[in-house]
Amino acid sequence: MTIMERPLNPRQAAIVKRTEQAGHVTIDELVTAFEVTPQTIRRDLTLLEEAGLIVRFHGGANPVNSTENLSYQDRQILNHQAKERIAREIATHIPDHASLFINIGTTTETIAQALMQHKGLQIVTNNLHVASIMSVKEDFRVIIASGEVRAKDGGIVGEATSDFIRQFKLDYGIIGISAIDEDGTLLDFDYREVRVAQTIIEQSRHVFLAADHSKFGRRAMVRLGSIRQADAFFTDEAPVERFAELLAEEGVRLFVCGGQP
């Protein structure tokens, strides 16, 4: 009897729901959440994939519809503590009076909050939420990029946005990303947002990439670039060995924030 011929047990149903809500789950977090062995979780994931309910990858699973991004409200609360740890670490690497780009994303919005104790920052952003957060500081100079405002998340995108960004050459580009493949490819969901992020990378002297563990293995469709374009990568859990080796090969500094490096 296959899983399609019988109902899911409560744990399996919960795994499917958790995967759909998070956009990504790992075996380790499922073991902790359900207090079972890794072997049990692996069997569950195998059965769920055979039933067409999830997509497995090494060490975890994605939802079947993971080529679509989660809603902005869901992304705000997803892995928020991990984003805060990443934000605090990045803030320690940004000096006072620096100039920086900050792109679209709930992770970069959290980083903006963590930078509020700095002095004299100059910020160019295509994220209305970042501009709102940082513009209350009188000694900050905040410049908002021109372009079309996406109603769903306050992101500013389009060719006009890229053209605007090209007017600047700044110290740091702080980039959030929706998905990362194990080969180091950076992926996102909106080609217009990707073009702006590519321009930010080109116009930054130093590129800091920020992504929590849930971004690994997601199936966003639009290629943004490669991890080799970053100077430093900030995440909350140690990546798989092959990815860590790739970072070392490309000279990208790895910062594991609140986890074991």
C-alpha atoms as a PDB file:
ATOM      1  CA  MET A   1       0.000   0.000   0.000  1.00  0.00           C
ATOM      2  CA  THR A   2       1.465   3.401  -1.012  1.00  0.00           C
ATOM      3  CA  ILE A   3       0.949   6.605   0.911  1.00  0.00           C
ATOM      4  CA  MET A   4      -1.542   7.736  -1.745  1.00  0.00           C
ATOM      5  CA  GLU A   5      -3.797   4.828  -0.753  1.00  0.00           C
ATOM      6  CA  ARG A   6      -3.967   5.729   2.915  1.00  0.00           C
ATOM      7  CA  PRO A   7      -4.298   8.974   4.886  1.00  0.00           C
ATOM      8  CA  LEU A   8      -1.206  10.749   6.161  1.00  0.00           C
ATOM      9  CA  ASN A   9      -0.434  10.225   9.806  1.00  0.00           C
ATOM     10  CA  PRO A  10      -0.485  13.420  11.947  1.00  0.00           C
ATOM     11  CA  ARG A  11       3.302  13.853  11.811  1.00  0.00           C
ATOM     12  CA  GLN A  12       3.433  13.516   8.025  1.00  0.00           C
ATOM     13  CA  ALA A  13       0.565  15.971   7.584  1.00  0.00           C
ATOM     14  CA  ALA A  14       2.350  18.393   9.903  1.00  0.00           C
ATOM     15  CA  ILE A  15       5.580  18.030   7.906  1.00  0.00           C
ATOM     16  CA  VAL A  16       3.769  18.960   4.687  1.00  0.00           C
ATOM     17  CA  LYS A  17       2.162  21.990   6.342  1.00  0.00           C
ATOM     18  CA  ARG A  18       5.437  23.092   7.937  1.00  0.00           C
ATOM     19  CA  THR A  19       7.260  22.772   4.612  1.00  0.00           C
ATOM     20  CA  GLU A  20       4.638  24.826   2.775  1.00  0.00           C
ATOM     21  CA  GLN A  21       4.672  27.546   5.436  1.00  0.00           C
ATOM     22  CA  ALA A  22       8.454  27.781   5.768  1.00  0.00           C
ATOM     23  CA  GLY A  23       9.309  27.300   2.103  1.00  0.00           C
ATOM     24  CA  HIS A  24      12.127  24.968   3.222  1.00  0.00           C
ATOM     25  CA  VAL A  25      12.749  22.487   6.048  1.00  0.00           C
ATOM     26  CA  THR A  26      15.784  20.493   7.100  1.00  0.00           C
ATOM     27  CA  ILE A  27      15.917  16.999   8.550  1.00  0.00           C
ATOM     28  CA  ASP A  28      17.585  18.329  11.698  1.00  0.00           C
ATOM     29  CA  GLU A  29      14.817  20.815  12.453  1.00  0.00           C
ATOM     30  CA  LEU A  30      12.130  18.177  11.807  1.00  0.00           C
ATOM     31  CA  VAL A  31      13.882  15.749  14.169  1.00  0.00           C
ATOM     32  CA  THR A  32      13.844  18.445  16.868  1.00  0.00           C
ATOM     33  CA  ALA A  33      10.262  19.513  16.181  1.00  0.00           C
ATOM     34  CA  PHE A  34       8.749  16.005  16.202  1.00  0.00           C
ATOM     35  CA  GLU A  35      11.171  14.313  18.619  1.00  0.00           C
ATOM     36  CA  VAL A  36      11.827  11.325  16.367  1.00  0.00           C
ATOM     37  CA  THR A  37      14.957   9.868  14.801  1.00  0.00           C
ATOM     38  CA  PRO A  38      16.528  11.140  11.560  1.00  0.00           C
ATOM     39  CA  GLN A  39      15.726   7.760  10.004  1.00  0.00           C
ATOM     40  CA  THR A  40      12.015   8.254  10.726  1.00  0.00           C
ATOM     41  CA  ILE A  41      12.055  11.720   9.141  1.00  0.00           C
ATOM     42  CA  ARG A  42      13.907  10.425   6.091  1.00  0.00           C
ATOM     43  CA  ARG A  43      11.265   7.720   5.623  1.00  0.00           C
ATOM     44  CA  ASP A  44       8.513  10.309   5.965  1.00  0.00           C
ATOM     45  CA  LEU A  45      10.151  12.575   3.395  1.00  0.00           C
ATOM     46  CA  THR A  46      10.628   9.704   0.961  1.00  0.00           C
ATOM     47  CA  LEU A  47       6.966   8.746   1.213  1.00  0.00           C
ATOM     48  CA  LEU A  48       5.811  12.364   0.926  1.00  0.00           C
ATOM     49  CA  GLU A  49       7.940  12.903  -2.172  1.00  0.00           C
ATOM     50  CA  GLU A  50       6.575   9.705  -3.748  1.00  0.00           C
ATOM     51  CA  ALA A  51       3.093  11.101  -3.099  1.00  0.00           C
ATOM     52  CA  GLY A  52       4.019  14.343  -4.864  1.00  0.00           C
ATOM     53  CA  LEU A  53       3.542  16.448  -1.733  1.00  0.00           C
ATOM     54  CA  ILE A  54       7.120  17.719  -1.280  1.00  0.00           C
ATOM     55  CA  VAL A  55      10.400  17.904  -3.197  1.00  0.00           C
ATOM     56  CA  ARG A  56      13.387  16.371  -1.411  1.00  0.00           C
ATOM     57  CA  PHE A  57      16.976  17.584  -1.538  1.00  0.00           C
ATOM     58  CA  HIS A  58      20.065  16.562   0.406  1.00  0.00           C
ATOM     59  CA  GLY A  59      19.309  17.296   4.057  1.00  0.00           C
ATOM     60  CA  GLY A  60      15.759  18.544   3.748  1.00  0.00           C
ATOM     61  CA  ALA A  61      12.739  19.317   1.600  1.00  0.00           C
ATOM     62  CA  ASN A  62      10.936  22.062  -0.305  1.00  0.00           C
ATOM     63  CA  PRO A  63       7.223  22.449  -0.983  1.00  0.00           C
ATOM     64  CA  VAL A  64       6.017  21.493  -4.443  1.00  0.00           C
ATOM     65  CA  ASN A  65       5.101  25.129  -5.186  1.00  0.00           C
ATOM     66  CA  SER A  66       8.396  26.611  -3.999  1.00  0.00           C
ATOM     67  CA  THR A  67       8.902  28.433  -7.313  1.00  0.00           C
ATOM     68  CA  GLU A  68       6.502  31.014  -5.833  1.00  0.00           C
ATOM     69  CA  ASN A  69       7.624  33.254  -3.004  1.00  0.00           C
ATOM     70  CA  LEU A  70       5.820  33.422   0.316  1.00  0.00           C
ATOM     71  CA  SER A  71       3.708  36.465   1.121  1.00  0.00           C
ATOM     72  CA  TYR A  72       5.449  39.478   2.643  1.00  0.00           C
ATOM     73  CA  GLN A  73       3.578  38.971   5.933  1.00  0.00           C
ATOM     74  CA  ASP A  74       4.708  35.342   6.154  1.00  0.00           C
ATOM     75  CA  ARG A  75       8.308  36.279   5.344  1.00  0.00           C
ATOM     76  CA  GLN A  76       8.300  38.919   8.089  1.00  0.00           C
ATOM     77  CA  ILE A  77       7.807  36.309  10.799  1.00  0.00           C
ATOM     78  CA  LEU A  78       9.630  33.382   9.192  1.00  0.00           C
ATOM     79  CA  ASN A  79      12.944  32.668  10.960  1.00  0.00           C
ATOM     80  CA  HIS A  80      12.875  36.132  12.525  1.00  0.00           C
ATOM     81  CA  GLN A  81      15.280  35.285  15.334  1.00  0.00           C
ATOM     82  CA  ALA A  82      17.780  33.928  12.814  1.00  0.00           C
ATOM     83  CA  LYS A  83      17.474  37.140  10.801  1.00  0.00           C
ATOM     84  CA  GLU A  84      18.121  39.169  13.942  1.00  0.00           C
ATOM     85  CA  ARG A  85      21.321  37.224  14.654  1.00  0.00           C
ATOM     86  CA  ILE A  86      22.478  37.765  11.089  1.00  0.00           C
ATOM     87  CA  ALA A  87      21.611  41.469  11.303  1.00  0.00           C
ATOM     88  CA  ARG A  88      23.557  41.990  14.535  1.00  0.00           C
ATOM     89  CA  GLU A  89      26.648  40.344  13.046  1.00  0.00           C
ATOM     90  CA  ILE A  90      26.531  42.359   9.832  1.00  0.00           C
ATOM     91  CA  ALA A  91      26.136  45.572  11.823  1.00  0.00           C
ATOM     92  CA  THR A  92      29.470  44.904  13.542  1.00  0.00           C
ATOM     93  CA  HIS A  93      31.185  44.953  10.126  1.00  0.00           C
ATOM     94  CA  ILE A  94      29.735  48.297   8.993  1.00  0.00           C
ATOM     95  CA  PRO A  95      31.722  51.298  10.281  1.00  0.00           C
ATOM     96  CA  ASP A  96      30.195  54.639  11.211  1.00  0.00           C
ATOM     97  CA  HIS A  97      29.950  57.152   8.351  1.00  0.00           C
ATOM     98  CA  ALA A  98      29.920  54.389   5.712  1.00  0.00           C
ATOM     99  CA  SER A  99      27.837  54.502   2.526  1.00  0.00           C
ATOM    100  CA  LEU A 100      25.708  51.485   1.654  1.00  0.00           C
ATOM    101  CA  PHE A 101      23.060  50.057  -0.606  1.00  0.00           C
ATOM    102  CA  ILE A 102      20.304  47.990   1.012  1.00  0.00           C
ATOM    103  CA  ASN A 103      18.033  45.975  -1.263  1.00  0.00           C
ATOM    104  CA  ILE A 104      14.562  44.442  -0.954  1.00  0.00           C
ATOM    105  CA  GLY A 105      13.729  41.820   1.680  1.00  0.00           C
ATOM    106  CA  THR A 106      12.665  41.182   5.233  1.00  0.00           C
ATOM    107  CA  THR A 107      16.228  40.166   6.134  1.00  0.00           C
ATOM    108  CA  THR A 108      17.605  43.491   4.930  1.00  0.00           C
ATOM    109  CA  GLU A 109      14.858  45.306   6.835  1.00  0.00           C
ATOM    110  CA  THR A 110      16.039  43.561   9.987  1.00  0.00           C
ATOM    111  CA  ILE A 111      19.604  44.618   9.168  1.00  0.00           C
ATOM    112  CA  ALA A 112      18.407  48.215   8.822  1.00  0.00           C
ATOM    113  CA  GLN A 113      17.038  48.029  12.362  1.00  0.00           C
ATOM    114  CA  ALA A 114      20.361  46.698  13.637  1.00  0.00           C
ATOM    115  CA  LEU A 115      22.219  49.642  12.065  1.00  0.00           C
ATOM    116  CA  MET A 116      20.231  52.296  13.910  1.00  0.00           C
ATOM    117  CA  GLN A 117      22.916  52.739  16.589  1.00  0.00           C
ATOM    118  CA  HIS A 118      25.487  53.715  13.956  1.00  0.00           C
ATOM    119  CA  LYS A 119      26.461  57.297  13.171  1.00  0.00           C
ATOM    120  CA  GLY A 120      26.490  59.209   9.923  1.00  0.00           C
ATOM    121  CA  LEU A 121      25.446  56.449   7.523  1.00  0.00           C
ATOM    122  CA  GLN A 122      24.521  57.278   3.943  1.00  0.00           C
ATOM    123  CA  ILE A 123      22.000  54.821   2.517  1.00  0.00           C
ATOM    124  CA  VAL A 124      20.637  54.248  -0.971  1.00  0.00           C
ATOM    125  CA  THR A 125      17.759  51.776  -1.011  1.00  0.00           C
ATOM    126  CA  ASN A 126      15.008  50.414  -3.235  1.00  0.00           C
ATOM    127  CA  ASN A 127      13.082  49.238  -0.152  1.00  0.00           C
ATOM    128  CA  LEU A 128      10.440  51.625   1.210  1.00  0.00           C
ATOM    129  CA  HIS A 129      10.425  49.831   4.567  1.00  0.00           C
ATOM    130  CA  VAL A 130      14.191  50.311   4.949  1.00  0.00           C
ATOM    131  CA  ALA A 131      13.802  53.995   4.071  1.00  0.00           C
ATOM    132  CA  SER A 132      11.042  54.386   6.654  1.00  0.00           C
ATOM    133  CA  ILE A 133      13.114  52.666   9.359  1.00  0.00           C
ATOM    134  CA  MET A 134      16.340  54.572   8.759  1.00  0.00           C
ATOM    135  CA  SER A 135      15.030  58.040   7.856  1.00  0.00           C
ATOM    136  CA  VAL A 136      14.086  58.784  11.474  1.00  0.00           C
ATOM    137  CA  LYS A 137      17.788  59.087  12.354  1.00  0.00           C
ATOM    138  CA  GLU A 138      18.762  62.730  11.879  1.00  0.00           C
ATOM    139  CA  ASP A 139      22.426  62.025  11.142  1.00  0.00           C
ATOM    140  CA  PHE A 140      21.585  59.459   8.444  1.00  0.00           C
ATOM    141  CA  ARG A 141      21.159  60.453   4.815  1.00  0.00           C
ATOM    142  CA  VAL A 142      18.613  58.182   3.122  1.00  0.00           C
ATOM    143  CA  ILE A 143      18.090  58.223  -0.645  1.00  0.00           C
ATOM    144  CA  ILE A 144      15.204  56.262  -2.188  1.00  0.00           C
ATOM    145  CA  ALA A 145      15.661  54.854  -5.674  1.00  0.00           C
ATOM    146  CA  SER A 146      13.175  55.812  -8.371  1.00  0.00           C
ATOM    147  CA  GLY A 147      10.982  53.260 -10.098  1.00  0.00           C
ATOM    148  CA  GLU A 148       7.787  51.247  -9.707  1.00  0.00           C
ATOM    149  CA  VAL A 149       6.693  50.429  -6.151  1.00  0.00           C
ATOM    150  CA  ARG A 150       5.529  46.826  -5.655  1.00  0.00           C
ATOM    151  CA  ALA A 151       2.395  46.983  -3.555  1.00  0.00           C
ATOM    152  CA  LYS A 152       2.973  43.573  -1.978  1.00  0.00           C
ATOM    153  CA  ASP A 153       6.197  44.487  -0.157  1.00  0.00           C
ATOM    154  CA  GLY A 154       7.239  48.088  -0.771  1.00  0.00           C
ATOM    155  CA  GLY A 155      10.071  47.112  -3.088  1.00  0.00           C
ATOM    156  CA  ILE A 156      11.036  49.498  -5.902  1.00  0.00           C
ATOM    157  CA  VAL A 157      11.883  47.780  -9.190  1.00  0.00           C
ATOM    158  CA  GLY A 158      12.289  48.391 -12.885  1.00  0.00           C
ATOM    159  CA  GLU A 159      14.775  49.735 -15.413  1.00  0.00           C
ATOM    160  CA  ALA A 160      14.522  53.238 -13.943  1.00  0.00           C
ATOM    161  CA  THR A 161      15.610  51.814 -10.586  1.00  0.00           C
ATOM    162  CA  SER A 162      18.717  50.207 -12.070  1.00  0.00           C
ATOM    163  CA  ASP A 163      19.571  53.440 -13.909  1.00  0.00           C
ATOM    164  CA  PHE A 164      19.219  55.371 -10.659  1.00  0.00           C
ATOM    165  CA  ILE A 165      21.494  52.954  -8.776  1.00  0.00           C
ATOM    166  CA  ARG A 166      24.209  53.341 -11.434  1.00  0.00           C
ATOM    167  CA  GLN A 167      24.697  56.961 -10.383  1.00  0.00           C
ATOM    168  CA  PHE A 168      26.361  55.795  -7.148  1.00  0.00           C
ATOM    169  CA  LYS A 169      29.478  53.944  -6.053  1.00  0.00           C
ATOM    170  CA  LEU A 170      29.146  53.016  -2.385  1.00  0.00           C
ATOM    171  CA  ASP A 171      31.212  51.254   0.265  1.00  0.00           C
ATOM    172  CA  TYR A 172      28.875  48.322   0.930  1.00  0.00           C
ATOM    173  CA  GLY A 173      26.056  46.509  -0.835  1.00  0.00           C
ATOM    174  CA  ILE A 174      23.856  44.572   1.597  1.00  0.00           C
ATOM    175  CA  ILE A 175      21.964  41.967  -0.390  1.00  0.00           C
ATOM    176  CA  GLY A 176      19.171  39.673   0.713  1.00  0.00           C
ATOM    177  CA  ILE A 177      18.397  36.689  -1.482  1.00  0.00           C
ATOM    178  CA  SER A 178      15.431  34.323  -1.862  1.00  0.00           C
ATOM    179  CA  ALA A 179      17.249  31.113  -2.747  1.00  0.00           C
ATOM    180  CA  ILE A 180      20.726  29.598  -3.066  1.00  0.00           C
ATOM    181  CA  ASP A 181      21.644  26.459  -4.979  1.00  0.00           C
ATOM    182  CA  GLU A 182      24.365  24.165  -3.687  1.00  0.00           C
ATOM    183  CA  ASP A 183      26.560  25.214  -6.624  1.00  0.00           C
ATOM    184  CA  GLY A 184      26.514  28.788  -5.346  1.00  0.00           C
ATOM    185  CA  THR A 185      23.938  30.176  -7.776  1.00  0.00           C
ATOM    186  CA  LEU A 186      21.872  33.000  -6.270  1.00  0.00           C
ATOM    187  CA  LEU A 187      18.190  32.962  -7.235  1.00  0.00           C
ATOM    188  CA  ASP A 188      15.113  35.143  -6.842  1.00  0.00           C
ATOM    189  CA  PHE A 189      11.493  35.291  -7.967  1.00  0.00           C
ATOM    190  CA  ASP A 190      11.165  38.618  -9.828  1.00  0.00           C
ATOM    191  CA  TYR A 191      13.448  39.351 -12.790  1.00  0.00           C
ATOM    192  CA  ARG A 192      12.987  43.099 -12.262  1.00  0.00           C
ATOM    193  CA  GLU A 193      14.196  42.829  -8.669  1.00  0.00           C
ATOM    194  CA  VAL A 194      17.119  40.697  -9.828  1.00  0.00           C
ATOM    195  CA  ARG A 195      18.284  43.342 -12.305  1.00  0.00           C
ATOM    196  CA  VAL A 196      18.352  45.956  -9.553  1.00  0.00           C
ATOM    197  CA  ALA A 197      20.247  43.638  -7.203  1.00  0.00           C
ATOM    198  CA  GLN A 198      22.788  42.924  -9.955  1.00  0.00           C
ATOM    199  CA  THR A 199      23.332  46.656 -10.379  1.00  0.00           C
ATOM    200  CA  ILE A 200      23.793  47.116  -6.630  1.00  0.00           C
ATOM    201  CA  ILE A 201      26.472  44.409  -6.644  1.00  0.00           C
ATOM    202  CA  GLU A 202      28.255  46.101  -9.560  1.00  0.00           C
ATOM    203  CA  GLN A 203      28.229  49.492  -7.827  1.00  0.00           C
ATOM    204  CA  SER A 204      29.418  48.258  -4.385  1.00  0.00           C
ATOM    205  CA  ARG A 205      33.015  48.143  -3.222  1.00  0.00           C
ATOM    206  CA  HIS A 206      32.165  45.331  -0.786  1.00  0.00           C
ATOM    207  CA  VAL A 207      29.194  42.955  -1.081  1.00  0.00           C
ATOM    208  CA  PHE A 208      27.635  41.376   2.020  1.00  0.00           C
ATOM    209  CA  LEU A 209      25.153  38.595   1.273  1.00  0.00           C
ATOM    210  CA  ALA A 210      22.625  37.730   4.014  1.00  0.00           C
ATOM    211  CA  ALA A 211      20.502  34.554   3.963  1.00  0.00           C
ATOM    212  CA  ASP A 212      19.156  32.297   6.698  1.00  0.00           C
ATOM    213  CA  HIS A 213      19.252  28.520   6.340  1.00  0.00           C
ATOM    214  CA  SER A 214      15.768  28.308   4.789  1.00  0.00           C
ATOM    215  CA  LYS A 215      17.089  29.867   1.560  1.00  0.00           C
ATOM    216  CA  PHE A 216      19.142  26.777   0.670  1.00  0.00           C
ATOM    217  CA  GLY A 217      17.475  24.462  -1.829  1.00  0.00           C
ATOM    218  CA  ARG A 218      14.509  26.700  -2.657  1.00  0.00           C
ATOM    219  CA  ARG A 219      13.465  26.723  -6.298  1.00  0.00           C
ATOM    220  CA  ALA A 220      13.255  30.368  -7.277  1.00  0.00           C
ATOM    221  CA  MET A 221      13.483  30.648 -11.050  1.00  0.00           C
ATOM    222  CA  VAL A 222      15.480  33.807 -11.806  1.00  0.00           C
ATOM    223  CA  ARG A 223      19.263  33.739 -11.649  1.00  0.00           C
ATOM    224  CA  LEU A 224      20.695  36.725  -9.780  1.00  0.00           C
ATOM    225  CA  GLY A 225      24.357  35.794  -9.872  1.00  0.00           C
ATOM    226  CA  SER A 226      26.901  33.693  -8.020  1.00  0.00           C
ATOM    227  CA  ILE A 227      28.082  33.484  -4.437  1.00  0.00           C
ATOM    228  CA  ARG A 228      31.570  34.303  -5.746  1.00  0.00           C
ATOM    229  CA  GLN A 229      30.387  37.897  -6.269  1.00  0.00           C
ATOM    230  CA  ALA A 230      30.077  38.353  -2.502  1.00  0.00           C
ATOM    231  CA  ASP A 231      32.911  39.341  -0.210  1.00  0.00           C
ATOM    232  CA  ALA A 232      31.176  37.843   2.828  1.00  0.00           C
ATOM    233  CA  PHE A 233      28.233  35.515   3.424  1.00  0.00           C
ATOM    234  CA  PHE A 234      26.209  35.734   6.633  1.00  0.00           C
ATOM    235  CA  THR A 235      23.866  32.918   7.662  1.00  0.00           C
ATOM    236  CA  ASP A 236      22.498  31.367  10.846  1.00  0.00           C
ATOM    237  CA  GLU A 237      23.492  27.705  10.420  1.00  0.00           C
ATOM    238  CA  ALA A 238      26.638  26.092   9.076  1.00  0.00           C
ATOM    239  CA  PRO A 239      26.073  25.179   5.407  1.00  0.00           C
ATOM    240  CA  VAL A 240      26.738  21.732   4.013  1.00  0.00           C
ATOM    241  CA  GLU A 241      30.416  20.863   3.603  1.00  0.00           C
ATOM    242  CA  ARG A 242      30.470  21.242  -0.185  1.00  0.00           C
ATOM    243  CA  PHE A 243      29.032  24.755   0.000  1.00  0.00           C
ATOM    244  CA  ALA A 244      31.490  25.752   2.730  1.00  0.00           C
ATOM    245  CA  GLU A 245      34.313  24.454   0.513  1.00  0.00           C
ATOM    246  CA  LEU A 246      32.960  26.514  -2.382  1.00  0.00           C
ATOM    247  CA  LEU A 247      33.043  29.660  -0.245  1.00  0.00           C
ATOM    248  CA  ALA A 248      36.636  28.956   0.727  1.00  0.00           C
ATOM    249  CA  GLU A 249      37.617  28.314  -2.886  1.00  0.00           C
ATOM    250  CA  GLU A 250      36.108  31.616  -3.987  1.00  0.00           C
ATOM    251  CA  GLY A 251      37.552  33.591  -1.071  1.00  0.00           C
ATOM    252  CA  VAL A 252      34.142  34.458   0.379  1.00  0.00           C
ATOM    253  CA  ARG A 253      34.258  34.911   4.146  1.00  0.00           C
ATOM    254  CA  LEU A 254      31.661  32.841   6.011  1.00  0.00           C
ATOM    255  CA  PHE A 255      29.977  34.103   9.176  1.00  0.00           C
ATOM    256  CA  VAL A 256      27.674  31.660  10.967  1.00  0.00           C
ATOM    257  CA  CYS A 257      25.619  33.825  13.293  1.00  0.00           C
ATOM    258  CA  GLY A 258      24.452  32.059  16.414  1.00  0.00           C
ATOM    259  CA  GLY A 259      25.458  28.603  15.201  1.00  0.00           C
ATOM    260  CA  GLN A 260      28.535  26.485  14.966  1.00  0.00           C
ATOM    261  CA  PRO A 261      30.796  27.482  12.058  1.00  0.00           C
END
